[in-house]
Amino acid sequence: MLLRHAKAEHPQIEDRLRPLALKGRTQAGGGGASLSHEGLVPDHVVCSAAIRTRQTWDLARAALSGEPESVDINEDLYLADVRRVLEIVREIGDDVATVLVVGHEPVMSQTAATLAGPGSDEAVLDRVRLGVPTASYSVLETDARWSELEPDGARLVRLVTPA
């Protein structure tokens, strides 16, 4: 799963230090509740080190019905491109079944589009190619080992956007 952080404030501070707006706090909790409702509690989370992504994860996590086995606050994810996101995911142990990446636009939608291969939902693929709103998450399925994940190596099955 690829989750874009929730709505952030636009204060006059360094970008990576921007906190969530009040709307974003609501979105993040709703995203966690949605993941839980769909039975999508991750085993492993990779979260950008930016304040707004960490706050998004913390609020989403509080609404989950279970706990991930591990969480990686990853400095590289803040400025990552699609290639780097794939490298980070390939480093995850193959014993992990479900992964959630919490990051930024446009990389979250570009990564979903890059991974979407045969069997993907075309309407969802068209949507992620345009970009995704704050607090949205893409759900992809793959039979590949994380270490072998390649472009077109997953099925993009849905995009969940906040209410």
C-alpha atoms as a PDB file:
ATOM      1  CA  MET A   1       0.000   0.000   0.000  1.00  0.00           C
ATOM      2  CA  LEU A   2       1.159   3.505  -0.805  1.00  0.00           C
ATOM      3  CA  LEU A   3      -0.235   6.269   1.420  1.00  0.00           C
ATOM      4  CA  ARG A   4       0.143   9.960   0.679  1.00  0.00           C
ATOM      5  CA  HIS A   5       0.426  12.030   3.848  1.00  0.00           C
ATOM      6  CA  ALA A   6      -2.650  13.919   5.038  1.00  0.00           C
ATOM      7  CA  LYS A   7      -3.282  17.659   4.547  1.00  0.00           C
ATOM      8  CA  ALA A   8      -0.433  19.767   5.948  1.00  0.00           C
ATOM      9  CA  GLU A   9      -0.201  23.344   7.174  1.00  0.00           C
ATOM     10  CA  HIS A  10       1.508  25.918   4.981  1.00  0.00           C
ATOM     11  CA  PRO A  11       3.492  27.850   7.594  1.00  0.00           C
ATOM     12  CA  GLN A  12       6.664  29.733   6.789  1.00  0.00           C
ATOM     13  CA  ILE A  13       8.973  26.968   7.993  1.00  0.00           C
ATOM     14  CA  GLU A  14      11.177  24.397   6.318  1.00  0.00           C
ATOM     15  CA  ASP A  15       9.090  21.987   4.216  1.00  0.00           C
ATOM     16  CA  ARG A  16      10.104  18.814   6.055  1.00  0.00           C
ATOM     17  CA  LEU A  17       8.983  20.408   9.356  1.00  0.00           C
ATOM     18  CA  ARG A  18       5.430  21.254   8.215  1.00  0.00           C
ATOM     19  CA  PRO A  19       2.839  19.700  10.560  1.00  0.00           C
ATOM     20  CA  LEU A  20      -0.596  18.388   9.683  1.00  0.00           C
ATOM     21  CA  ALA A  21      -3.479  20.809   9.465  1.00  0.00           C
ATOM     22  CA  LEU A  22      -6.591  20.119  11.541  1.00  0.00           C
ATOM     23  CA  LYS A  23      -8.229  18.652   8.416  1.00  0.00           C
ATOM     24  CA  GLY A  24      -5.164  16.445   7.945  1.00  0.00           C
ATOM     25  CA  ARG A  25      -5.429  15.068  11.456  1.00  0.00           C
ATOM     26  CA  THR A  26      -9.001  14.025  10.735  1.00  0.00           C
ATOM     27  CA  GLN A  27      -7.997  12.564   7.354  1.00  0.00           C
ATOM     28  CA  ALA A  28      -5.149  10.532   8.863  1.00  0.00           C
ATOM     29  CA  GLY A  29      -7.350   8.955  11.515  1.00  0.00           C
ATOM     30  CA  GLY A  30      -9.958   8.183   8.875  1.00  0.00           C
ATOM     31  CA  GLY A  31      -7.304   6.575   6.694  1.00  0.00           C
ATOM     32  CA  GLY A  32      -6.259   4.294   9.521  1.00  0.00           C
ATOM     33  CA  ALA A  33      -9.881   3.368  10.192  1.00  0.00           C
ATOM     34  CA  SER A  34     -10.351   2.609   6.483  1.00  0.00           C
ATOM     35  CA  LEU A  35      -7.261   0.392   6.395  1.00  0.00           C
ATOM     36  CA  SER A  36      -8.506  -1.443   9.465  1.00  0.00           C
ATOM     37  CA  HIS A  37     -12.028  -1.819   8.051  1.00  0.00           C
ATOM     38  CA  GLU A  38     -10.594  -3.352   4.872  1.00  0.00           C
ATOM     39  CA  GLY A  39      -8.368  -5.730   6.858  1.00  0.00           C
ATOM     40  CA  LEU A  40      -5.232  -4.008   5.599  1.00  0.00           C
ATOM     41  CA  VAL A  41      -3.130  -3.804   8.745  1.00  0.00           C
ATOM     42  CA  PRO A  42       0.479  -3.701   7.540  1.00  0.00           C
ATOM     43  CA  ASP A  43       3.186  -6.024   8.831  1.00  0.00           C
ATOM     44  CA  HIS A  44       5.865  -3.450   8.014  1.00  0.00           C
ATOM     45  CA  VAL A  45       5.685   0.331   7.570  1.00  0.00           C
ATOM     46  CA  VAL A  46       8.196   2.567   5.815  1.00  0.00           C
ATOM     47  CA  CYS A  47       7.483   6.214   6.639  1.00  0.00           C
ATOM     48  CA  SER A  48       9.200   9.364   5.417  1.00  0.00           C
ATOM     49  CA  ALA A  49      10.993  11.261   8.185  1.00  0.00           C
ATOM     50  CA  ALA A  50       9.077  14.496   7.437  1.00  0.00           C
ATOM     51  CA  ILE A  51       6.856  15.701  10.292  1.00  0.00           C
ATOM     52  CA  ARG A  52       3.611  15.489   8.289  1.00  0.00           C
ATOM     53  CA  THR A  53       4.217  11.872   7.219  1.00  0.00           C
ATOM     54  CA  ARG A  54       5.153  10.771  10.726  1.00  0.00           C
ATOM     55  CA  GLN A  55       2.031  12.497  12.113  1.00  0.00           C
ATOM     56  CA  THR A  56      -0.069  10.863   9.387  1.00  0.00           C
ATOM     57  CA  TRP A  57       1.298   7.447  10.340  1.00  0.00           C
ATOM     58  CA  ASP A  58       0.872   8.035  14.094  1.00  0.00           C
ATOM     59  CA  LEU A  59      -2.789   9.035  13.691  1.00  0.00           C
ATOM     60  CA  ALA A  60      -3.518   6.239  11.192  1.00  0.00           C
ATOM     61  CA  ARG A  61      -1.801   3.713  13.460  1.00  0.00           C
ATOM     62  CA  ALA A  62      -4.011   4.714  16.399  1.00  0.00           C
ATOM     63  CA  ALA A  63      -7.090   3.759  14.352  1.00  0.00           C
ATOM     64  CA  LEU A  64      -5.808   0.343  13.217  1.00  0.00           C
ATOM     65  CA  SER A  65      -7.147  -2.879  14.690  1.00  0.00           C
ATOM     66  CA  GLY A  66      -3.633  -4.297  14.980  1.00  0.00           C
ATOM     67  CA  GLU A  67       0.029  -3.324  15.163  1.00  0.00           C
ATOM     68  CA  PRO A  68       2.701  -3.692  12.490  1.00  0.00           C
ATOM     69  CA  GLU A  69       5.681  -5.867  13.390  1.00  0.00           C
ATOM     70  CA  SER A  70       8.095  -3.112  12.395  1.00  0.00           C
ATOM     71  CA  VAL A  71       8.200   0.577  11.453  1.00  0.00           C
ATOM     72  CA  ASP A  72      11.054   2.213   9.560  1.00  0.00           C
ATOM     73  CA  ILE A  73      11.224   6.020   9.694  1.00  0.00           C
ATOM     74  CA  ASN A  74      13.270   6.473   6.543  1.00  0.00           C
ATOM     75  CA  GLU A  75      15.217   9.679   5.810  1.00  0.00           C
ATOM     76  CA  ASP A  76      15.631   8.757   2.124  1.00  0.00           C
ATOM     77  CA  LEU A  77      11.900   8.570   1.512  1.00  0.00           C
ATOM     78  CA  TYR A  78      11.449  12.343   1.953  1.00  0.00           C
ATOM     79  CA  LEU A  79      13.133  13.218  -1.362  1.00  0.00           C
ATOM     80  CA  ALA A  80      12.884   9.798  -3.001  1.00  0.00           C
ATOM     81  CA  ASP A  81      12.004   9.248  -6.620  1.00  0.00           C
ATOM     82  CA  VAL A  82      10.228   6.100  -7.841  1.00  0.00           C
ATOM     83  CA  ARG A  83      13.501   4.253  -8.336  1.00  0.00           C
ATOM     84  CA  ARG A  84      14.543   4.934  -4.724  1.00  0.00           C
ATOM     85  CA  VAL A  85      11.119   3.909  -3.368  1.00  0.00           C
ATOM     86  CA  LEU A  86      11.491   0.581  -5.181  1.00  0.00           C
ATOM     87  CA  GLU A  87      15.016   0.161  -3.769  1.00  0.00           C
ATOM     88  CA  ILE A  88      13.688   0.788  -0.245  1.00  0.00           C
ATOM     89  CA  VAL A  89      10.872  -1.746  -0.715  1.00  0.00           C
ATOM     90  CA  ARG A  90      13.317  -4.325  -2.139  1.00  0.00           C
ATOM     91  CA  GLU A  91      15.253  -4.144   1.138  1.00  0.00           C
ATOM     92  CA  ILE A  92      12.238  -5.449   3.094  1.00  0.00           C
ATOM     93  CA  GLY A  93      12.508  -9.056   4.194  1.00  0.00           C
ATOM     94  CA  ASP A  94      10.628 -11.547   2.058  1.00  0.00           C
ATOM     95  CA  ASP A  95       8.940 -12.911   5.197  1.00  0.00           C
ATOM     96  CA  VAL A  96       6.865  -9.694   5.380  1.00  0.00           C
ATOM     97  CA  ALA A  97       3.428 -10.089   3.780  1.00  0.00           C
ATOM     98  CA  THR A  98       1.935  -6.576   3.838  1.00  0.00           C
ATOM     99  CA  VAL A  99       3.822  -3.291   3.484  1.00  0.00           C
ATOM    100  CA  LEU A 100       2.645   0.296   3.871  1.00  0.00           C
ATOM    101  CA  VAL A 101       4.764   3.150   2.516  1.00  0.00           C
ATOM    102  CA  VAL A 102       3.839   6.607   3.856  1.00  0.00           C
ATOM    103  CA  GLY A 103       5.234   9.303   1.606  1.00  0.00           C
ATOM    104  CA  HIS A 104       4.716  12.310  -0.595  1.00  0.00           C
ATOM    105  CA  GLU A 105       3.287  13.352  -3.934  1.00  0.00           C
ATOM    106  CA  PRO A 106       3.983  13.027  -6.743  1.00  0.00           C
ATOM    107  CA  VAL A 107       6.076   9.971  -5.845  1.00  0.00           C
ATOM    108  CA  MET A 108       3.297   7.904  -4.231  1.00  0.00           C
ATOM    109  CA  SER A 109       1.076   8.097  -7.327  1.00  0.00           C
ATOM    110  CA  GLN A 110       4.041   7.659  -9.696  1.00  0.00           C
ATOM    111  CA  THR A 111       5.159   4.565  -7.800  1.00  0.00           C
ATOM    112  CA  ALA A 112       1.659   3.083  -7.959  1.00  0.00           C
ATOM    113  CA  ALA A 113       1.511   3.744 -11.717  1.00  0.00           C
ATOM    114  CA  THR A 114       5.000   2.293 -12.227  1.00  0.00           C
ATOM    115  CA  LEU A 115       4.194  -0.900 -10.318  1.00  0.00           C
ATOM    116  CA  ALA A 116       0.791  -1.385 -11.979  1.00  0.00           C
ATOM    117  CA  GLY A 117       1.111  -4.275 -14.396  1.00  0.00           C
ATOM    118  CA  PRO A 118      -1.187  -6.851 -15.972  1.00  0.00           C
ATOM    119  CA  GLY A 119      -4.472  -7.308 -14.136  1.00  0.00           C
ATOM    120  CA  SER A 120      -4.524  -3.767 -12.755  1.00  0.00           C
ATOM    121  CA  ASP A 121      -7.798  -1.862 -12.582  1.00  0.00           C
ATOM    122  CA  GLU A 122      -7.567   0.513 -15.561  1.00  0.00           C
ATOM    123  CA  ALA A 123      -9.836   3.165 -14.049  1.00  0.00           C
ATOM    124  CA  VAL A 124      -7.731   3.247 -10.893  1.00  0.00           C
ATOM    125  CA  LEU A 125      -4.541   3.379 -12.957  1.00  0.00           C
ATOM    126  CA  ASP A 126      -5.904   6.337 -14.936  1.00  0.00           C
ATOM    127  CA  ARG A 127      -6.679   8.098 -11.647  1.00  0.00           C
ATOM    128  CA  VAL A 128      -3.261   7.567 -10.036  1.00  0.00           C
ATOM    129  CA  ARG A 129      -1.568   8.776 -13.212  1.00  0.00           C
ATOM    130  CA  LEU A 130      -3.206  12.154 -12.520  1.00  0.00           C
ATOM    131  CA  GLY A 131      -1.949  12.217  -8.912  1.00  0.00           C
ATOM    132  CA  VAL A 132      -3.732  11.416  -5.683  1.00  0.00           C
ATOM    133  CA  PRO A 133      -5.260  13.671  -3.014  1.00  0.00           C
ATOM    134  CA  THR A 134      -3.909  13.944   0.517  1.00  0.00           C
ATOM    135  CA  ALA A 135      -4.514  10.924   2.763  1.00  0.00           C
ATOM    136  CA  SER A 136      -5.256   8.638  -0.199  1.00  0.00           C
ATOM    137  CA  TYR A 137      -3.797   5.176  -0.437  1.00  0.00           C
ATOM    138  CA  SER A 138      -3.259   2.845  -3.361  1.00  0.00           C
ATOM    139  CA  VAL A 139      -3.596  -0.890  -2.837  1.00  0.00           C
ATOM    140  CA  LEU A 140      -1.373  -3.130  -4.928  1.00  0.00           C
ATOM    141  CA  GLU A 141      -1.020  -6.904  -4.879  1.00  0.00           C
ATOM    142  CA  THR A 142       1.961  -8.919  -6.022  1.00  0.00           C
ATOM    143  CA  ASP A 143       3.180 -12.486  -6.001  1.00  0.00           C
ATOM    144  CA  ALA A 144       6.803 -11.334  -6.275  1.00  0.00           C
ATOM    145  CA  ARG A 145       9.250 -11.329  -3.400  1.00  0.00           C
ATOM    146  CA  TRP A 146       9.951  -7.782  -2.212  1.00  0.00           C
ATOM    147  CA  SER A 147      13.578  -8.235  -3.219  1.00  0.00           C
ATOM    148  CA  GLU A 148      12.476  -8.975  -6.804  1.00  0.00           C
ATOM    149  CA  LEU A 149       9.761  -6.317  -7.201  1.00  0.00           C
ATOM    150  CA  GLU A 150      10.024  -4.611 -10.600  1.00  0.00           C
ATOM    151  CA  PRO A 151       8.022  -2.038 -12.578  1.00  0.00           C
ATOM    152  CA  ASP A 152       4.774  -3.609 -13.855  1.00  0.00           C
ATOM    153  CA  GLY A 153       5.242  -6.262 -11.145  1.00  0.00           C
ATOM    154  CA  ALA A 154       2.000  -5.727  -9.229  1.00  0.00           C
ATOM    155  CA  ARG A 155      -1.730  -5.347  -9.732  1.00  0.00           C
ATOM    156  CA  LEU A 156      -3.179  -1.973  -8.799  1.00  0.00           C
ATOM    157  CA  VAL A 157      -6.545  -2.972  -7.362  1.00  0.00           C
ATOM    158  CA  ARG A 158      -7.929   0.203  -5.778  1.00  0.00           C
ATOM    159  CA  LEU A 159      -7.411   3.756  -4.664  1.00  0.00           C
ATOM    160  CA  VAL A 160      -9.046   4.841  -1.415  1.00  0.00           C
ATOM    161  CA  THR A 161      -9.557   8.575  -0.941  1.00  0.00           C
ATOM    162  CA  PRO A 162     -10.714  10.412   2.177  1.00  0.00           C
ATOM    163  CA  ALA A 163     -14.397  11.193   2.577  1.00  0.00           C
END
